[in-house]
Amino acid sequence: METLADQWLRQGKHEGLIIGEQKGKLENAQETLIDQASELYGPLPGMLSVKIRSIHSIDNLRILARKIIRTESLSDFTELVDRAAEN
């Protein structure tokens, strides 16, 4: 029979896996966006990469990944990132 402590331990492990998976998805979305921007505009200013990594909404990162193809300059993209980072 499983003890209460065993149940808590199992639940904690499960929650830890979910949190780790979400963190991995977020980091992947951030790095993918940085890679896309670097491919399109060359090396990024350090603060732009930092700002992208400060965005913790996967939805906002996905929107930026779709919008980057319509930007005409690094300045345009930076404006989009600034707005997304404010949300």
Protein backbone atom coordinates (compact mmCIF):
# COMPACT_ATOMS: atom_id res chain seq x y z
CA MET A 1 0.00 0.00 0.00
CA GLU A 2 1.30 3.42 -0.98
CA THR A 3 1.90 5.80 1.89
CA LEU A 4 0.95 9.45 1.87
CA ALA A 5 4.64 10.34 1.63
CA ASP A 6 4.98 8.10 -1.44
CA GLN A 7 1.98 9.81 -3.05
CA TRP A 8 3.48 13.25 -2.39
CA LEU A 9 6.82 12.14 -3.78
CA ARG A 10 5.19 10.74 -6.92
CA GLN A 11 3.14 13.91 -7.37
CA GLY A 12 6.23 16.09 -6.86
CA LYS A 13 8.18 14.13 -9.47
CA HIS A 14 5.30 14.45 -11.94
CA GLU A 15 5.00 18.20 -11.36
CA GLY A 16 8.78 18.55 -11.73
CA LEU A 17 8.67 16.76 -15.08
CA ILE A 18 5.90 19.04 -16.32
CA ILE A 19 7.75 22.18 -15.20
CA GLY A 20 10.97 20.94 -16.81
CA GLU A 21 9.17 20.18 -20.06
CA GLN A 22 7.59 23.65 -20.13
CA LYS A 23 10.94 25.29 -19.41
CA GLY A 24 12.52 23.30 -22.24
CA LYS A 25 9.81 24.39 -24.68
CA LEU A 26 10.25 28.02 -23.65
CA GLU A 27 14.04 27.91 -24.04
CA ASN A 28 13.67 26.20 -27.42
CA ALA A 29 11.25 28.89 -28.64
CA GLN A 30 13.61 31.64 -27.43
CA GLU A 31 16.67 30.08 -29.09
CA THR A 32 14.78 29.40 -32.33
CA LEU A 33 13.73 33.04 -32.55
CA ILE A 34 17.30 34.20 -31.88
CA ASP A 35 18.55 31.81 -34.59
CA GLN A 36 15.95 33.08 -37.08
CA ALA A 37 16.83 36.71 -36.39
CA SER A 38 20.57 35.99 -36.64
CA GLU A 39 20.08 34.22 -39.95
CA LEU A 40 18.04 37.11 -41.31
CA TYR A 41 19.96 40.09 -39.90
CA GLY A 42 23.37 38.76 -38.88
CA PRO A 43 24.80 38.84 -35.36
CA LEU A 44 22.32 40.36 -32.92
CA PRO A 45 23.15 43.05 -30.40
CA GLY A 46 23.62 41.40 -27.00
CA MET A 47 20.72 43.24 -25.41
CA LEU A 48 18.31 42.00 -28.09
CA SER A 49 19.16 38.39 -27.27
CA VAL A 50 18.72 39.16 -23.58
CA LYS A 51 15.36 40.80 -24.26
CA ILE A 52 14.19 37.78 -26.29
CA ARG A 53 15.20 35.50 -23.42
CA SER A 54 13.18 37.70 -21.05
CA ILE A 55 9.97 36.85 -22.92
CA HIS A 56 8.32 34.02 -20.97
CA SER A 57 5.24 33.57 -23.13
CA ILE A 58 5.56 30.83 -25.71
CA ASP A 59 2.59 32.34 -27.54
CA ASN A 60 4.36 35.71 -27.83
CA LEU A 61 7.53 34.00 -29.05
CA ARG A 62 5.57 32.08 -31.69
CA ILE A 63 3.90 35.29 -32.85
CA LEU A 64 7.31 36.94 -33.17
CA ALA A 65 8.61 33.93 -35.12
CA ARG A 66 5.77 34.38 -37.62
CA LYS A 67 6.13 38.16 -37.82
CA ILE A 68 9.90 38.20 -38.33
CA ILE A 69 9.50 37.27 -41.99
CA ARG A 70 7.55 40.48 -42.57
CA THR A 71 10.09 42.78 -40.92
CA GLU A 72 12.27 44.83 -43.21
CA SER A 73 15.08 45.60 -40.80
CA LEU A 74 16.63 44.68 -37.50
CA SER A 75 15.16 47.90 -36.14
CA ASP A 76 11.62 46.76 -37.10
CA PHE A 77 12.20 43.40 -35.44
CA THR A 78 13.63 45.06 -32.32
CA GLU A 79 10.46 47.15 -32.00
CA LEU A 80 8.35 43.97 -32.10
CA VAL A 81 10.54 42.33 -29.47
CA ASP A 82 10.32 45.43 -27.25
CA ARG A 83 6.51 45.33 -27.40
CA ALA A 84 6.38 41.59 -26.72
CA ALA A 85 8.75 41.94 -23.76
CA GLU A 86 6.45 44.54 -22.20
CA ASN A 87 3.53 42.09 -22.09
